[in-house]
N, C-alpha and C. Protein backbone atom coordinates (compact mmCIF):
# COMPACT_ATOMS: atom_id res chain seq x y z
N MET A 1 -90.58 -30.69 45.79
CA MET A 1 -89.26 -30.29 46.23
C MET A 1 -88.21 -30.78 45.24
N GLU A 2 -87.37 -29.89 44.78
CA GLU A 2 -86.33 -30.24 43.83
C GLU A 2 -85.19 -30.98 44.52
N GLU A 3 -84.81 -32.11 43.96
CA GLU A 3 -83.71 -32.88 44.52
C GLU A 3 -82.46 -32.62 43.71
N ASN A 4 -81.37 -32.33 44.39
CA ASN A 4 -80.09 -32.10 43.73
C ASN A 4 -79.34 -33.41 43.57
N LEU A 5 -78.49 -33.44 42.56
CA LEU A 5 -77.61 -34.58 42.38
C LEU A 5 -76.49 -34.49 43.40
N PRO A 6 -75.94 -35.62 43.82
CA PRO A 6 -74.81 -35.57 44.76
C PRO A 6 -73.67 -34.73 44.18
N PRO A 7 -72.96 -33.99 45.02
CA PRO A 7 -71.89 -33.10 44.54
C PRO A 7 -70.85 -33.80 43.66
N GLU A 8 -70.45 -35.02 44.02
CA GLU A 8 -69.44 -35.71 43.21
C GLU A 8 -69.98 -36.06 41.82
N LEU A 9 -71.27 -36.34 41.72
CA LEU A 9 -71.87 -36.60 40.41
C LEU A 9 -71.98 -35.32 39.61
N GLN A 10 -72.29 -34.21 40.29
CA GLN A 10 -72.35 -32.92 39.61
C GLN A 10 -71.00 -32.58 38.98
N VAL A 11 -69.92 -32.81 39.71
CA VAL A 11 -68.58 -32.52 39.20
C VAL A 11 -68.27 -33.42 38.00
N THR A 12 -68.60 -34.70 38.11
CA THR A 12 -68.36 -35.64 37.01
C THR A 12 -69.10 -35.20 35.75
N LEU A 13 -70.37 -34.86 35.90
CA LEU A 13 -71.17 -34.42 34.75
C LEU A 13 -70.64 -33.12 34.16
N PHE A 14 -70.26 -32.19 35.02
CA PHE A 14 -69.71 -30.93 34.53
C PHE A 14 -68.44 -31.17 33.73
N ARG A 15 -67.54 -32.01 34.23
CA ARG A 15 -66.27 -32.28 33.54
C ARG A 15 -66.51 -32.95 32.18
N MET A 16 -67.48 -33.87 32.13
CA MET A 16 -67.78 -34.51 30.84
C MET A 16 -68.39 -33.50 29.87
N PHE A 17 -69.32 -32.68 30.35
CA PHE A 17 -69.92 -31.64 29.52
C PHE A 17 -68.84 -30.69 29.00
N GLN A 18 -67.94 -30.31 29.88
CA GLN A 18 -66.85 -29.40 29.53
C GLN A 18 -65.97 -30.03 28.44
N GLU A 19 -65.63 -31.30 28.57
CA GLU A 19 -64.78 -31.97 27.59
C GLU A 19 -65.46 -32.04 26.23
N VAL A 20 -66.75 -32.40 26.21
CA VAL A 20 -67.46 -32.49 24.93
C VAL A 20 -67.52 -31.13 24.25
N THR A 21 -67.90 -30.10 24.98
CA THR A 21 -68.04 -28.78 24.36
C THR A 21 -66.68 -28.22 23.92
N MET A 22 -65.63 -28.51 24.67
CA MET A 22 -64.29 -28.07 24.25
C MET A 22 -63.86 -28.81 22.98
N ASN A 23 -64.16 -30.10 22.89
CA ASN A 23 -63.84 -30.86 21.68
C ASN A 23 -64.57 -30.29 20.46
N ILE A 24 -65.83 -29.93 20.66
CA ILE A 24 -66.59 -29.33 19.56
C ILE A 24 -65.94 -28.02 19.14
N ALA A 25 -65.62 -27.17 20.12
CA ALA A 25 -65.02 -25.86 19.81
C ALA A 25 -63.67 -26.00 19.12
N ARG A 26 -62.87 -26.97 19.53
CA ARG A 26 -61.51 -27.13 19.00
C ARG A 26 -61.45 -27.88 17.67
N HIS A 27 -62.31 -28.88 17.49
CA HIS A 27 -62.11 -29.80 16.38
C HIS A 27 -63.25 -29.92 15.39
N ALA A 28 -64.48 -29.71 15.80
CA ALA A 28 -65.63 -30.11 14.98
C ALA A 28 -65.91 -29.20 13.78
N LYS A 29 -65.57 -27.92 13.91
CA LYS A 29 -65.96 -26.95 12.88
C LYS A 29 -67.48 -26.98 12.67
N ALA A 30 -68.20 -27.08 13.78
CA ALA A 30 -69.66 -27.18 13.74
C ALA A 30 -70.30 -25.81 13.58
N THR A 31 -71.44 -25.81 12.93
CA THR A 31 -72.27 -24.62 12.82
C THR A 31 -73.33 -24.61 13.90
N ASN A 32 -73.83 -25.81 14.23
CA ASN A 32 -74.90 -25.96 15.21
C ASN A 32 -74.56 -27.04 16.22
N VAL A 33 -74.99 -26.81 17.47
CA VAL A 33 -74.85 -27.79 18.54
C VAL A 33 -76.19 -27.86 19.26
N CYS A 34 -76.66 -29.09 19.50
CA CYS A 34 -77.91 -29.29 20.22
C CYS A 34 -77.59 -30.06 21.50
N ILE A 35 -78.00 -29.48 22.64
CA ILE A 35 -77.74 -30.10 23.95
C ILE A 35 -79.07 -30.42 24.60
N SER A 36 -79.23 -31.67 25.00
CA SER A 36 -80.44 -32.11 25.67
C SER A 36 -80.04 -32.79 26.98
N ILE A 37 -80.68 -32.36 28.07
CA ILE A 37 -80.39 -32.93 29.38
C ILE A 37 -81.72 -33.32 30.02
N LYS A 38 -81.74 -34.54 30.55
CA LYS A 38 -82.96 -35.04 31.18
C LYS A 38 -82.60 -35.73 32.49
N ASN A 39 -83.36 -35.43 33.54
CA ASN A 39 -83.22 -36.11 34.82
C ASN A 39 -84.62 -36.53 35.25
N ASP A 40 -84.91 -37.82 35.13
CA ASP A 40 -86.24 -38.30 35.50
C ASP A 40 -86.23 -39.07 36.82
N ARG A 41 -85.20 -38.84 37.63
CA ARG A 41 -84.97 -39.49 38.92
C ARG A 41 -84.54 -40.94 38.80
N LYS A 42 -84.74 -41.56 37.64
CA LYS A 42 -84.23 -42.91 37.41
C LYS A 42 -82.87 -42.86 36.73
N ALA A 43 -82.71 -41.86 35.86
CA ALA A 43 -81.46 -41.72 35.12
C ALA A 43 -81.25 -40.26 34.75
N PHE A 44 -79.98 -39.90 34.64
CA PHE A 44 -79.58 -38.60 34.11
C PHE A 44 -79.08 -38.88 32.70
N ILE A 45 -79.64 -38.18 31.73
CA ILE A 45 -79.28 -38.41 30.33
C ILE A 45 -78.84 -37.09 29.73
N MET A 46 -77.64 -37.08 29.18
CA MET A 46 -77.10 -35.90 28.50
C MET A 46 -76.78 -36.30 27.06
N ASN A 47 -77.37 -35.60 26.12
CA ASN A 47 -77.17 -35.86 24.70
C ASN A 47 -76.66 -34.57 24.06
N ILE A 48 -75.50 -34.64 23.41
CA ILE A 48 -74.93 -33.48 22.76
C ILE A 48 -74.63 -33.86 21.31
N GLU A 49 -75.22 -33.12 20.38
CA GLU A 49 -75.04 -33.38 18.96
C GLU A 49 -74.49 -32.15 18.27
N ASP A 50 -73.59 -32.37 17.31
CA ASP A 50 -73.12 -31.26 16.49
C ASP A 50 -73.18 -31.64 15.02
N ASP A 51 -73.17 -30.62 14.16
CA ASP A 51 -73.20 -30.84 12.72
C ASP A 51 -71.82 -30.59 12.10
N GLY A 52 -70.79 -30.86 12.88
CA GLY A 52 -69.43 -30.62 12.43
C GLY A 52 -68.90 -31.66 11.47
N GLN A 53 -67.58 -31.67 11.34
CA GLN A 53 -66.94 -32.52 10.35
C GLN A 53 -66.89 -34.00 10.75
N GLY A 54 -67.16 -34.30 12.01
CA GLY A 54 -67.15 -35.69 12.46
C GLY A 54 -65.76 -36.30 12.41
N PHE A 55 -65.68 -37.58 12.78
CA PHE A 55 -64.41 -38.29 12.74
C PHE A 55 -64.68 -39.79 12.70
N ASP A 56 -63.68 -40.55 12.34
CA ASP A 56 -63.80 -42.01 12.25
C ASP A 56 -63.59 -42.60 13.64
N THR A 57 -64.65 -43.09 14.25
CA THR A 57 -64.55 -43.62 15.62
C THR A 57 -63.76 -44.93 15.67
N THR A 58 -63.64 -45.64 14.56
CA THR A 58 -62.90 -46.90 14.59
C THR A 58 -61.39 -46.69 14.67
N THR A 59 -60.90 -45.54 14.20
CA THR A 59 -59.46 -45.30 14.24
C THR A 59 -59.07 -44.19 15.21
N ALA A 60 -60.05 -43.50 15.79
CA ALA A 60 -59.76 -42.35 16.65
C ALA A 60 -58.92 -42.71 17.87
N PHE A 61 -59.03 -43.94 18.33
CA PHE A 61 -58.35 -44.34 19.56
C PHE A 61 -57.18 -45.29 19.31
N ASP A 62 -56.80 -45.48 18.05
CA ASP A 62 -55.75 -46.45 17.72
C ASP A 62 -54.38 -46.08 18.27
N ASN A 63 -53.99 -44.83 18.14
CA ASN A 63 -52.64 -44.44 18.54
C ASN A 63 -52.69 -43.58 19.78
N LYS A 64 -52.53 -44.19 20.92
CA LYS A 64 -52.58 -43.47 22.19
C LYS A 64 -51.36 -42.58 22.40
N HIS A 65 -50.31 -42.80 21.62
CA HIS A 65 -49.10 -41.99 21.76
C HIS A 65 -49.31 -40.56 21.26
N THR A 66 -50.26 -40.36 20.36
CA THR A 66 -50.52 -39.01 19.85
C THR A 66 -51.41 -38.23 20.80
N GLY A 67 -52.06 -38.92 21.73
CA GLY A 67 -52.99 -38.25 22.63
C GLY A 67 -54.38 -38.10 22.06
N ARG A 68 -54.54 -38.48 20.80
CA ARG A 68 -55.85 -38.36 20.17
C ARG A 68 -56.83 -39.35 20.80
N GLY A 69 -57.99 -38.87 21.15
CA GLY A 69 -59.02 -39.73 21.71
C GLY A 69 -58.94 -39.88 23.22
N LEU A 70 -57.91 -39.33 23.85
CA LEU A 70 -57.77 -39.50 25.29
C LEU A 70 -58.86 -38.78 26.07
N GLY A 71 -59.34 -37.65 25.55
CA GLY A 71 -60.42 -36.93 26.22
C GLY A 71 -61.69 -37.76 26.27
N ILE A 72 -62.01 -38.42 25.15
CA ILE A 72 -63.20 -39.27 25.12
C ILE A 72 -63.01 -40.49 26.01
N LEU A 73 -61.83 -41.08 25.98
CA LEU A 73 -61.56 -42.21 26.86
C LEU A 73 -61.71 -41.80 28.33
N GLY A 74 -61.24 -40.60 28.66
CA GLY A 74 -61.39 -40.09 30.02
C GLY A 74 -62.85 -39.91 30.40
N MET A 75 -63.67 -39.43 29.46
CA MET A 75 -65.10 -39.28 29.73
C MET A 75 -65.76 -40.63 29.94
N LYS A 76 -65.35 -41.63 29.16
CA LYS A 76 -65.91 -42.98 29.34
C LYS A 76 -65.55 -43.52 30.71
N GLU A 77 -64.33 -43.27 31.15
CA GLU A 77 -63.91 -43.71 32.49
C GLU A 77 -64.70 -42.99 33.58
N ARG A 78 -64.90 -41.69 33.41
CA ARG A 78 -65.69 -40.93 34.39
C ARG A 78 -67.12 -41.47 34.48
N ALA A 79 -67.73 -41.75 33.33
CA ALA A 79 -69.09 -42.29 33.32
C ALA A 79 -69.12 -43.65 34.01
N ALA A 80 -68.14 -44.50 33.73
CA ALA A 80 -68.09 -45.83 34.34
C ALA A 80 -67.94 -45.75 35.85
N GLN A 81 -67.23 -44.76 36.35
CA GLN A 81 -67.03 -44.60 37.79
C GLN A 81 -68.33 -44.33 38.54
N VAL A 82 -69.33 -43.81 37.82
CA VAL A 82 -70.64 -43.55 38.45
C VAL A 82 -71.70 -44.49 37.86
N ASN A 83 -71.26 -45.67 37.42
CA ASN A 83 -72.13 -46.71 36.85
C ASN A 83 -72.86 -46.28 35.60
N GLY A 84 -72.30 -45.31 34.89
CA GLY A 84 -72.92 -44.81 33.67
C GLY A 84 -72.25 -45.34 32.42
N LYS A 85 -72.79 -44.89 31.30
CA LYS A 85 -72.26 -45.27 29.99
C LYS A 85 -72.15 -44.03 29.13
N LEU A 86 -71.11 -44.01 28.30
CA LEU A 86 -70.92 -42.93 27.35
C LEU A 86 -70.81 -43.54 25.97
N LEU A 87 -71.61 -43.06 25.04
CA LEU A 87 -71.61 -43.55 23.67
C LEU A 87 -71.26 -42.39 22.76
N VAL A 88 -70.32 -42.62 21.85
CA VAL A 88 -69.92 -41.61 20.89
C VAL A 88 -70.18 -42.17 19.49
N CYS A 89 -71.03 -41.47 18.74
CA CYS A 89 -71.34 -41.86 17.36
C CYS A 89 -70.89 -40.74 16.45
N SER A 90 -70.04 -41.08 15.48
CA SER A 90 -69.56 -40.07 14.55
C SER A 90 -69.08 -40.74 13.28
N ALA A 91 -69.00 -39.97 12.22
CA ALA A 91 -68.44 -40.41 10.96
C ALA A 91 -67.95 -39.17 10.22
N PRO A 92 -66.87 -39.28 9.47
CA PRO A 92 -66.38 -38.12 8.74
C PRO A 92 -67.47 -37.50 7.86
N GLY A 93 -67.64 -36.19 8.02
CA GLY A 93 -68.63 -35.46 7.24
C GLY A 93 -70.04 -35.51 7.79
N HIS A 94 -70.26 -36.17 8.92
CA HIS A 94 -71.62 -36.36 9.44
C HIS A 94 -71.83 -35.90 10.87
N GLY A 95 -70.94 -35.13 11.44
CA GLY A 95 -71.13 -34.65 12.79
C GLY A 95 -70.92 -35.73 13.83
N THR A 96 -71.25 -35.38 15.08
CA THR A 96 -70.99 -36.28 16.20
C THR A 96 -72.15 -36.21 17.19
N ILE A 97 -72.46 -37.36 17.78
CA ILE A 97 -73.44 -37.45 18.86
C ILE A 97 -72.74 -38.07 20.06
N VAL A 98 -72.84 -37.42 21.21
CA VAL A 98 -72.31 -37.97 22.47
C VAL A 98 -73.50 -38.14 23.40
N LEU A 99 -73.71 -39.38 23.83
CA LEU A 99 -74.83 -39.70 24.71
C LEU A 99 -74.27 -40.29 26.00
N CYS A 100 -74.60 -39.65 27.11
CA CYS A 100 -74.17 -40.13 28.43
C CYS A 100 -75.42 -40.44 29.25
N THR A 101 -75.48 -41.67 29.77
CA THR A 101 -76.59 -42.10 30.61
C THR A 101 -76.05 -42.58 31.94
N ILE A 102 -76.56 -42.01 33.02
CA ILE A 102 -76.11 -42.38 34.36
C ILE A 102 -77.33 -42.75 35.20
N PRO A 103 -77.39 -43.99 35.69
CA PRO A 103 -78.54 -44.39 36.53
C PRO A 103 -78.52 -43.64 37.86
N LEU A 104 -79.71 -43.24 38.31
CA LEU A 104 -79.83 -42.51 39.58
C LEU A 104 -80.58 -43.30 40.64
N SER A 105 -81.24 -44.36 40.24
CA SER A 105 -82.01 -45.16 41.19
C SER A 105 -81.64 -46.63 41.01
N PRO A 106 -81.91 -47.45 42.01
CA PRO A 106 -81.57 -48.88 41.90
C PRO A 106 -82.19 -49.56 40.68
N GLU A 107 -83.43 -49.18 40.31
CA GLU A 107 -84.03 -49.80 39.13
C GLU A 107 -83.39 -49.36 37.84
N GLY A 108 -82.66 -48.22 37.86
CA GLY A 108 -81.95 -47.76 36.69
C GLY A 108 -80.56 -48.34 36.55
N GLN A 109 -80.07 -49.04 37.58
CA GLN A 109 -78.72 -49.61 37.57
C GLN A 109 -78.78 -51.06 37.16
N HIS A 110 -78.57 -51.31 35.89
CA HIS A 110 -78.60 -52.68 35.36
C HIS A 110 -77.33 -53.41 35.75
N GLY A 111 -77.46 -54.65 36.07
CA GLY A 111 -76.31 -55.47 36.39
C GLY A 111 -75.71 -55.20 37.74
N GLN A 112 -76.40 -54.50 38.62
CA GLN A 112 -75.86 -54.18 39.94
C GLN A 112 -76.46 -55.10 40.97
């Protein structure tokens, strides 16, 4: 029997997926995007990689007044609200990897 994720988690995951794909469409200038989603009942893992222009993650969030990086910060907050983690790896000229891991079972929730 297939088990569905709770509706509030579905919405959170959809919004994060939407933000990542919109960022790729708007900014990355990517030729290829690879999306991997896994649900093993212990954790939900979403990995999205692009071969776009990338960006410097050390300075992307420095100036909050420009609004740059707020989408990623929002995704990190959404992941944290469901005890998950969001990791963004990127460098200029090397594309971007966004990895979101959300525990689904007590054994998957570290530090709880």
